[in-house]
Amino acid sequence: MARTKEEQRSYTMSRIKGRDTKPEVMLRKALWHKGIRYRKNYRKLPGTPDIALTRQKIAIFVDGDFWHAKGHQDNPGEQVRSNKEYWQKHLGRNVERDKEVNDALTEEGWLVLRFWESEIRRNLSRCLEQIAGYI
């Protein structure tokens, strides 16, 4: 059965995961392999960090390039071709929320680290070195 363009887009968007993404799992496995223990999707903290190193008070987020408007913080949604107004508002709010979460965690004494999914895929060892540097 053929789907309309709108039905296909809706189906595709429904398949996007909010946790346990490939880059997130890559980073978690690498941390575990290095003997660094963590909590995943730690709900006791604002923003529910993807990885929380509770002993060191480090909150790590793995941000999707599209959802967190990589390279477009000044004008999120710029990369979208259709329904631009909706996406600019939606992605702009994601960027604002990231800043709010960073501020809330910092006030509670946590160090916040954010990595782009492409950064993890391209250079996982550099991300690990950065985390290890703070530990």
Protein backbone atom coordinates (compact mmCIF):
# COMPACT_ATOMS: atom_id res chain seq x y z
CA MET A 1 0.00 0.00 0.00
CA ALA A 2 1.48 3.32 -1.08
CA ARG A 3 1.67 6.11 1.46
CA THR A 4 1.14 9.77 0.80
CA LYS A 5 4.04 12.12 1.35
CA GLU A 6 2.54 13.26 4.69
CA GLU A 7 1.94 9.68 5.88
CA GLN A 8 5.49 8.69 4.99
CA ARG A 9 6.94 11.69 6.82
CA SER A 10 4.80 10.94 9.87
CA TYR A 11 5.93 7.32 9.86
CA THR A 12 9.59 8.31 9.48
CA MET A 13 9.39 10.85 12.32
CA SER A 14 7.71 8.30 14.62
CA ARG A 15 10.74 6.03 14.25
CA ILE A 16 13.22 8.60 15.60
CA LYS A 17 14.52 7.53 18.99
CA GLY A 18 14.97 9.84 21.95
CA ARG A 19 17.37 7.59 23.85
CA ASP A 20 19.81 4.77 23.16
CA THR A 21 20.82 6.27 19.83
CA LYS A 22 23.84 4.77 18.07
CA PRO A 23 26.24 7.58 19.04
CA GLU A 24 24.99 7.47 22.64
CA VAL A 25 25.52 3.70 22.85
CA MET A 26 28.98 4.06 21.25
CA LEU A 27 30.02 6.56 23.91
CA ARG A 28 28.55 4.52 26.76
CA LYS A 29 30.29 1.33 25.63
CA ALA A 30 33.61 3.15 25.31
CA LEU A 31 33.24 4.64 28.81
CA TRP A 32 32.34 1.23 30.26
CA HIS A 33 35.34 -0.36 28.52
CA LYS A 34 37.60 2.25 30.16
CA GLY A 35 36.16 1.34 33.57
CA ILE A 36 34.11 4.52 33.90
CA ARG A 37 30.76 3.72 35.50
CA TYR A 38 27.72 5.90 34.96
CA ARG A 39 23.95 6.20 35.14
CA LYS A 40 22.07 6.40 31.87
CA ASN A 41 19.11 8.71 31.32
CA TYR A 42 19.38 9.92 34.90
CA ARG A 43 15.93 11.30 35.75
CA LYS A 44 16.92 12.79 39.10
CA LEU A 45 18.62 15.68 37.29
CA PRO A 46 17.14 18.49 35.19
CA GLY A 47 17.11 17.61 31.51
CA THR A 48 17.63 13.87 32.15
CA PRO A 49 21.26 13.62 31.01
CA ASP A 50 22.05 10.76 28.63
CA ILE A 51 25.01 9.82 30.84
CA ALA A 52 25.58 10.94 34.42
CA LEU A 53 28.83 10.35 36.27
CA THR A 54 27.35 10.77 39.73
CA ARG A 55 30.57 10.55 41.76
CA GLN A 56 32.26 13.25 39.69
CA LYS A 57 29.04 15.27 39.16
CA ILE A 58 29.42 15.28 35.37
CA ALA A 59 26.32 15.31 33.16
CA ILE A 60 26.87 14.27 29.53
CA PHE A 61 24.44 14.91 26.70
CA VAL A 62 24.67 13.45 23.21
CA ASP A 63 22.95 15.98 20.95
CA GLY A 64 21.61 15.12 17.52
CA ASP A 65 22.94 17.39 14.79
CA PHE A 66 19.46 18.10 13.42
CA TRP A 67 17.45 18.29 16.66
CA HIS A 68 19.81 20.62 18.44
CA ALA A 69 20.51 22.71 15.33
CA LYS A 70 24.25 22.11 14.97
CA GLY A 71 25.78 25.03 13.14
CA HIS A 72 22.47 26.89 13.21
CA GLN A 73 22.22 28.13 16.81
CA ASP A 74 21.78 31.69 15.58
CA ASN A 75 19.02 30.64 13.19
CA PRO A 76 17.75 27.13 14.00
CA GLY A 77 15.60 25.53 11.32
CA GLU A 78 17.54 27.22 8.53
CA GLN A 79 18.46 23.83 7.05
CA VAL A 80 14.80 22.81 6.63
CA ARG A 81 13.09 23.28 3.26
CA SER A 82 9.42 22.64 4.05
CA ASN A 83 7.26 23.94 6.89
CA LYS A 84 10.10 26.26 7.82
CA GLU A 85 8.14 28.36 10.31
CA TYR A 86 7.19 25.30 12.41
CA TRP A 87 10.71 23.86 12.41
CA GLN A 88 12.39 27.18 13.23
CA LYS A 89 10.15 27.52 16.28
CA HIS A 90 10.58 23.86 17.29
CA LEU A 91 14.36 23.70 16.89
CA GLY A 92 14.81 27.16 18.41
CA ARG A 93 13.01 25.94 21.53
CA ASN A 94 15.34 22.92 21.70
CA VAL A 95 18.37 25.23 21.71
CA GLU A 96 16.76 27.40 24.43
CA ARG A 97 15.95 24.32 26.52
CA ASP A 98 19.56 23.13 26.24
CA LYS A 99 20.74 26.46 27.69
CA GLU A 100 18.15 26.31 30.50
CA VAL A 101 19.21 22.76 31.41
CA ASN A 102 22.91 23.74 31.35
CA ASP A 103 22.20 26.64 33.73
CA ALA A 104 20.10 24.49 36.10
CA LEU A 105 22.73 21.75 36.29
CA THR A 106 25.56 24.25 36.74
CA GLU A 107 23.67 25.87 39.64
CA GLU A 108 23.45 22.43 41.27
CA GLY A 109 27.23 22.06 40.98
CA TRP A 110 27.33 19.72 37.99
CA LEU A 111 29.72 19.99 35.05
CA VAL A 112 27.80 19.76 31.77
CA LEU A 113 29.43 18.23 28.69
CA ARG A 114 27.64 18.17 25.34
CA PHE A 115 28.82 16.19 22.35
CA TRP A 116 27.39 16.29 18.83
CA GLU A 117 26.45 12.91 17.36
CA SER A 118 28.74 13.58 14.38
CA GLU A 119 31.61 14.42 16.74
CA ILE A 120 31.24 11.05 18.49
CA ARG A 121 31.05 9.16 15.22
CA ARG A 122 34.02 10.99 13.74
CA ASN A 123 36.35 11.06 16.75
CA LEU A 124 35.22 8.98 19.71
CA SER A 125 38.70 8.92 21.25
CA ARG A 126 38.81 12.73 21.48
CA CYS A 127 35.44 12.72 23.29
CA LEU A 128 36.75 10.10 25.73
CA GLU A 129 39.92 12.12 26.35
CA GLN A 130 37.85 15.19 27.10
CA ILE A 131 35.69 13.30 29.60
CA ALA A 132 38.74 11.65 31.20
CA GLY A 133 40.35 15.08 31.53
CA TYR A 134 37.52 16.22 33.79
CA ILE A 135 37.53 13.03 35.86
